[in-house]
Amino acid sequence: RNTSAGRGREARLQIDRRKSKRHRLELPIKFRIYLPSRPDTSSTFLSAELHDLSQSGMRLMTNIVQSGPLHIFHPNLTASEQARLEIEIPDGDQTLTLIGRVVWYDQNPAEHPYSFRAGVEFVDIGSEDQTRIQSLIKRSLASTTSPSSEGSSPPASE
């Protein structure tokens, strides 16, 4: 990972600093990169995949980490100077738009369909967005825990 954290075994031994539990949720998303000091200068929207989601952040998969001079993560910048991502997550008929900053990114193994993965911490998130994230997670959990027709037991007789 491109942080002060080590790779491999060292990274697994580190304390998990997440503020809330992540839930697996794979959805196509879009994001654009901009600098807080220059919000008028941004990339176009780029394609990615949401890999997991929590109340405070997410992991995304992407093939692009730089658009022109804008890069998703600069390890030598302070948190307030780091680039921001405007992230659009499909939520039924609506789109949930969140702002986050990348706290780490790493290259995926060569066989992975996306070249990079990145950990994003949400910034300036309001209570309405928190509620929508919670709802999205609950719907996802409900759809993954409901039995599928494949390999499931038939319903009990009444």
Protein backbone atom coordinates (compact mmCIF):
# COMPACT_ATOMS: atom_id res chain seq x y z
CA ARG A 1 0.00 0.00 0.00
CA ASN A 2 1.11 3.51 -0.62
CA THR A 3 0.99 4.68 2.98
CA SER A 4 3.37 4.32 5.89
CA ALA A 5 1.86 0.85 6.41
CA GLY A 6 3.88 -2.18 5.37
CA ARG A 7 2.83 -4.84 2.90
CA GLY A 8 1.88 -8.47 3.35
CA ARG A 9 2.22 -9.95 6.83
CA GLU A 10 3.14 -6.61 8.41
CA ALA A 11 -0.06 -5.00 7.09
CA ARG A 12 -2.20 -7.87 8.47
CA LEU A 13 -0.67 -7.42 11.93
CA GLN A 14 -1.57 -3.73 12.10
CA ILE A 15 -4.50 -2.52 14.15
CA ASP A 16 -7.67 -1.94 12.16
CA ARG A 17 -8.31 1.81 12.44
CA ARG A 18 -11.69 1.80 10.73
CA LYS A 19 -14.38 3.74 12.53
CA SER A 20 -17.17 1.39 11.45
CA LYS A 21 -17.59 -2.11 10.07
CA ARG A 22 -17.23 -2.56 6.32
CA HIS A 23 -19.85 -4.51 4.39
CA ARG A 24 -19.17 -6.23 1.07
CA LEU A 25 -21.13 -4.41 -1.61
CA GLU A 26 -20.06 -4.65 -5.23
CA LEU A 27 -21.57 -1.94 -7.42
CA PRO A 28 -20.39 0.03 -10.45
CA ILE A 29 -19.64 3.60 -9.40
CA LYS A 30 -18.16 6.80 -10.84
CA PHE A 31 -15.74 9.26 -9.26
CA ARG A 32 -13.93 12.42 -10.15
CA ILE A 33 -10.76 13.85 -8.60
CA TYR A 34 -10.39 17.45 -7.44
CA LEU A 35 -8.23 19.49 -5.07
CA PRO A 36 -9.87 21.20 -2.07
CA SER A 37 -7.88 24.36 -2.85
CA ARG A 38 -9.05 24.29 -6.49
CA PRO A 39 -12.54 22.71 -6.63
CA ASP A 40 -13.08 24.30 -10.07
CA THR A 41 -10.32 22.06 -11.49
CA SER A 42 -11.39 18.43 -11.64
CA SER A 43 -11.09 15.30 -13.71
CA THR A 44 -13.93 13.91 -15.74
CA PHE A 45 -15.96 11.16 -14.07
CA LEU A 46 -14.02 7.88 -14.05
CA SER A 47 -15.41 4.35 -13.80
CA ALA A 48 -14.76 2.16 -10.78
CA GLU A 49 -16.33 -0.54 -8.65
CA LEU A 50 -17.41 -0.20 -5.05
CA HIS A 51 -15.96 -3.20 -3.19
CA ASP A 52 -17.12 -2.57 0.36
CA LEU A 53 -18.90 0.20 2.25
CA SER A 54 -19.24 1.46 5.82
CA GLN A 55 -20.70 4.53 7.51
CA SER A 56 -17.29 6.20 7.39
CA GLY A 57 -15.64 4.95 4.21
CA MET A 58 -15.32 2.49 1.37
CA ARG A 59 -12.91 0.53 -0.75
CA LEU A 60 -13.04 1.04 -4.49
CA MET A 61 -11.45 -0.77 -7.41
CA THR A 62 -10.29 1.21 -10.44
CA ASN A 63 -7.92 1.17 -13.38
CA ILE A 64 -7.17 4.90 -13.10
CA VAL A 65 -5.50 6.70 -10.19
CA GLN A 66 -4.35 9.78 -12.10
CA SER A 67 -6.05 12.12 -14.52
CA GLY A 68 -3.72 14.77 -15.88
CA PRO A 69 -2.01 16.45 -12.91
CA LEU A 70 -4.63 15.12 -10.47
CA HIS A 71 -3.68 11.97 -8.54
CA ILE A 72 -5.92 10.24 -5.98
CA PHE A 73 -3.17 10.08 -3.32
CA HIS A 74 0.01 12.02 -2.55
CA PRO A 75 1.78 10.53 0.50
CA ASN A 76 3.70 13.74 1.22
CA LEU A 77 0.65 16.00 1.53
CA THR A 78 -1.30 16.67 4.71
CA ALA A 79 -4.87 15.33 4.98
CA SER A 80 -6.32 18.79 4.26
CA GLU A 81 -4.23 19.08 1.06
CA GLN A 82 -5.05 15.59 -0.26
CA ALA A 83 -7.15 15.33 -3.38
CA ARG A 84 -10.85 14.67 -2.87
CA LEU A 85 -13.04 12.22 -4.72
CA GLU A 86 -16.62 13.03 -5.59
CA ILE A 87 -18.16 9.56 -5.65
CA GLU A 88 -21.48 8.66 -7.24
CA ILE A 89 -23.07 5.42 -5.98
CA PRO A 90 -26.28 4.14 -7.62
CA ASP A 91 -29.08 3.90 -5.05
CA GLY A 92 -32.21 2.63 -6.76
CA ASP A 93 -33.62 5.44 -8.91
CA GLN A 94 -31.32 7.99 -7.26
CA THR A 95 -27.58 8.56 -6.95
CA LEU A 96 -25.82 8.90 -3.61
CA THR A 97 -23.03 11.47 -4.00
CA LEU A 98 -20.30 11.44 -1.34
CA ILE A 99 -17.01 13.26 -0.87
CA GLY A 100 -14.00 11.34 0.36
CA ARG A 101 -10.25 11.33 0.50
CA VAL A 102 -8.04 8.37 -0.30
CA VAL A 103 -6.14 7.20 2.80
CA TRP A 104 -4.31 4.37 0.99
CA TYR A 105 -4.09 2.76 -2.41
CA ASP A 106 -2.34 -0.29 -3.74
CA GLN A 107 -1.92 -2.26 -6.93
CA ASN A 108 -4.08 -5.37 -7.35
CA PRO A 109 -2.56 -8.69 -8.46
CA ALA A 110 -2.08 -8.95 -12.24
CA GLU A 111 -5.04 -11.33 -12.70
CA HIS A 112 -7.50 -8.90 -11.06
CA PRO A 113 -9.89 -7.09 -13.45
CA TYR A 114 -9.00 -3.73 -11.85
CA SER A 115 -5.41 -2.50 -11.58
CA PHE A 116 -5.80 -0.62 -8.28
CA ARG A 117 -7.72 -0.66 -5.01
CA ALA A 118 -8.09 2.33 -2.70
CA GLY A 119 -9.40 3.00 0.79
CA VAL A 120 -11.55 6.11 0.98
CA GLU A 121 -12.56 7.98 4.12
CA PHE A 122 -15.69 10.11 3.76
CA VAL A 123 -15.39 13.79 4.67
CA ASP A 124 -18.10 16.29 5.55
CA ILE A 125 -20.82 13.63 5.54
CA GLY A 126 -24.26 14.72 6.70
CA SER A 127 -26.92 12.80 8.59
CA GLU A 128 -29.06 12.34 5.44
CA ASP A 129 -26.12 10.69 3.65
CA GLN A 130 -25.43 8.54 6.73
CA THR A 131 -29.04 7.35 6.63
CA ARG A 132 -28.81 6.55 2.90
CA ILE A 133 -25.55 4.63 3.42
CA GLN A 134 -27.13 2.65 6.25
CA SER A 135 -30.17 1.89 4.08
CA LEU A 136 -27.96 0.81 1.16
CA ILE A 137 -25.99 -1.53 3.47
CA LYS A 138 -29.18 -3.00 4.97
CA ARG A 139 -30.67 -3.66 1.52
CA SER A 140 -27.43 -5.29 0.42
CA LEU A 141 -27.24 -7.49 3.52
CA ALA A 142 -30.88 -8.50 3.08
CA SER A 143 -30.29 -9.52 -0.52
CA THR A 144 -27.15 -11.53 0.32
CA THR A 145 -28.66 -13.32 3.33
CA SER A 146 -31.91 -14.33 1.66
CA PRO A 147 -31.70 -17.92 0.43
CA SER A 148 -31.19 -18.44 -3.26
CA SER A 149 -32.93 -21.15 -5.22
CA GLU A 150 -29.60 -22.81 -5.89
CA GLY A 151 -28.52 -25.12 -3.10
CA SER A 152 -31.17 -23.96 -0.64
CA SER A 153 -33.63 -26.17 1.15
CA PRO A 154 -37.23 -26.18 -0.04
CA PRO A 155 -39.67 -24.24 2.14
CA ALA A 156 -41.10 -26.17 5.08
CA SER A 157 -44.64 -27.48 4.70
CA GLU A 158 -47.31 -25.57 6.57
